[in-house]
Protein backbone atom coordinates (compact mmCIF):
# COMPACT_ATOMS: atom_id res chain seq x y z
CA ILE A 1 -72.26 -127.44 -26.50
CA LEU A 2 -72.84 -129.31 -29.74
CA VAL A 3 -72.97 -133.06 -29.15
CA ALA A 4 -71.79 -134.60 -32.42
CA GLY A 5 -68.88 -136.42 -34.00
CA ASP A 6 -65.80 -134.52 -35.07
CA GLY A 7 -66.67 -134.72 -38.76
CA SER A 8 -70.30 -133.64 -38.47
CA PRO A 9 -71.03 -131.07 -41.20
CA ILE A 10 -74.18 -129.89 -39.40
CA ALA A 11 -72.27 -129.28 -36.17
CA SER A 12 -69.59 -127.38 -38.10
CA ARG A 13 -72.20 -125.13 -39.73
CA MET A 14 -73.96 -124.55 -36.41
CA ALA A 15 -70.70 -123.70 -34.63
CA THR A 16 -69.89 -121.17 -37.34
CA SER A 17 -73.30 -119.50 -37.07
CA LEU A 18 -73.45 -119.29 -33.26
CA SER A 19 -72.72 -115.83 -31.91
CA SER A 20 -71.07 -117.14 -28.75
CA GLU A 21 -68.28 -119.60 -28.10
CA SER A 22 -69.23 -123.24 -28.69
CA VAL A 23 -67.64 -126.63 -28.11
CA THR A 24 -68.27 -129.78 -30.16
CA SER A 25 -67.91 -133.15 -28.47
CA PRO A 26 -69.27 -136.63 -29.29
CA ALA A 27 -69.75 -137.29 -25.55
CA PRO A 28 -69.45 -134.26 -23.28
CA THR A 29 -68.36 -135.07 -19.74
CA GLU A 30 -70.18 -133.94 -16.66
CA ALA A 31 -67.21 -131.69 -15.84
CA MET A 32 -67.52 -130.05 -19.26
CA ILE A 33 -71.23 -129.37 -18.72
CA GLU A 34 -70.73 -128.09 -15.17
CA GLY A 35 -67.64 -126.05 -15.99
CA GLU A 36 -69.33 -123.29 -17.95
CA ALA A 37 -72.59 -121.36 -17.96
CA TRP A 38 -73.88 -122.79 -21.26
CA ASP A 39 -76.94 -121.28 -22.91
CA GLY A 40 -77.85 -124.64 -24.38
CA ILE A 41 -76.79 -128.08 -25.47
CA ALA A 42 -77.77 -129.40 -28.91
CA VAL A 43 -77.57 -133.18 -29.24
CA LEU A 44 -77.02 -133.92 -32.94
CA SER A 45 -75.91 -137.57 -32.55
CA ALA A 46 -79.17 -138.91 -33.99
CA LEU A 47 -78.28 -137.33 -37.34
CA GLU A 48 -75.18 -139.50 -37.71
CA ASP A 49 -75.85 -142.86 -39.34
CA ALA A 50 -72.57 -144.28 -37.98
CA VAL A 51 -73.72 -143.85 -34.36
CA PRO A 52 -75.71 -146.87 -33.10
CA ASP A 53 -79.22 -146.07 -31.86
CA MET A 54 -78.49 -147.26 -28.32
CA ASP A 55 -75.43 -145.02 -28.14
CA VAL A 56 -77.60 -142.03 -29.05
CA LEU A 57 -80.06 -142.91 -26.28
CA GLY A 58 -77.21 -143.35 -23.80
CA THR A 59 -75.66 -140.01 -24.74
CA VAL A 60 -78.99 -138.22 -24.31
CA LEU A 61 -79.48 -139.81 -20.88
CA GLN A 62 -75.95 -138.86 -19.73
CA VAL A 63 -76.29 -135.28 -20.95
CA THR A 64 -79.71 -134.90 -19.30
CA GLN A 65 -78.48 -136.32 -15.99
CA ALA A 66 -75.44 -134.00 -16.00
CA VAL A 67 -77.62 -130.95 -16.73
CA VAL A 68 -80.04 -131.85 -13.92
CA ARG A 69 -77.18 -132.41 -11.45
CA LYS A 70 -75.72 -129.03 -12.43
CA GLY A 71 -79.08 -127.38 -11.75
CA VAL A 72 -79.40 -129.09 -8.37
CA LYS A 73 -75.82 -128.17 -7.32
CA THR A 74 -76.01 -124.54 -8.39
CA GLY A 75 -79.67 -123.92 -7.66
CA GLY A 76 -79.72 -121.92 -10.86
CA ALA A 77 -81.17 -122.23 -14.31
CA MET A 78 -80.19 -125.27 -16.32
CA PRO A 79 -79.08 -124.94 -19.94
CA ARG A 80 -81.75 -125.86 -22.47
CA VAL A 81 -81.20 -129.27 -24.07
CA VAL A 82 -82.30 -129.65 -27.69
CA LEU A 83 -82.53 -133.11 -29.28
CA VAL A 84 -82.28 -133.11 -33.08
CA THR A 85 -83.72 -136.25 -34.68
CA GLN A 86 -84.56 -137.56 -38.11
CA CYS A 87 -86.68 -140.41 -39.45
CA THR A 88 -88.78 -140.67 -36.29
CA GLN A 89 -92.08 -140.41 -38.15
CA ALA A 90 -93.30 -142.24 -41.25
CA VAL A 91 -93.79 -139.42 -43.75
CA ASP A 92 -93.08 -141.39 -46.91
CA GLU A 93 -93.27 -145.08 -47.78
CA ASP A 94 -89.62 -145.10 -48.88
CA VAL A 95 -88.21 -143.70 -45.62
CA GLU A 96 -87.10 -146.13 -42.95
CA VAL A 97 -88.34 -145.12 -39.50
CA ARG A 98 -85.78 -145.21 -36.69
CA ALA A 99 -87.99 -146.34 -33.82
CA ALA A 100 -85.28 -145.91 -31.17
CA HIS A 101 -85.00 -142.24 -32.08
CA ALA A 102 -88.77 -141.83 -31.80
CA GLY A 103 -88.32 -142.78 -28.14
CA LEU A 104 -86.24 -139.64 -27.69
CA TRP A 105 -89.40 -137.60 -28.12
CA GLY A 106 -91.07 -139.37 -25.20
CA PHE A 107 -87.92 -139.08 -23.11
CA ALA A 108 -87.76 -135.34 -23.81
CA ARG A 109 -91.40 -134.84 -22.77
CA CYS A 110 -90.81 -136.69 -19.50
CA ALA A 111 -87.60 -134.81 -18.73
CA ARG A 112 -89.29 -131.48 -19.43
CA ALA A 113 -92.23 -132.37 -17.17
CA GLU A 114 -89.95 -133.49 -14.33
CA HIS A 115 -87.35 -130.73 -14.53
């Protein structure tokens, strides 16, 4: 599953290059996540400037909760969740840091440690 807006050029390129079937959705439902045996879920929402930071955080939380519930219900392996971010570290004076997206790194570490 590629979590991105309908017009995301990165999601389009990724979908084309994936060897298996993929679905792109700006906000995948729990039923969508539970309905298939996905290899992984790539959350690309942080790459879209039009998506508010808090919406990105909310989407990541919802996707993570749905994946964990799927793992608990099935007792099987959970699909890997990949968070793609940008501007989370100050690498150049001219680049604005998106502090809310930097929090995704900490969230990902905690989720990985717990599940």
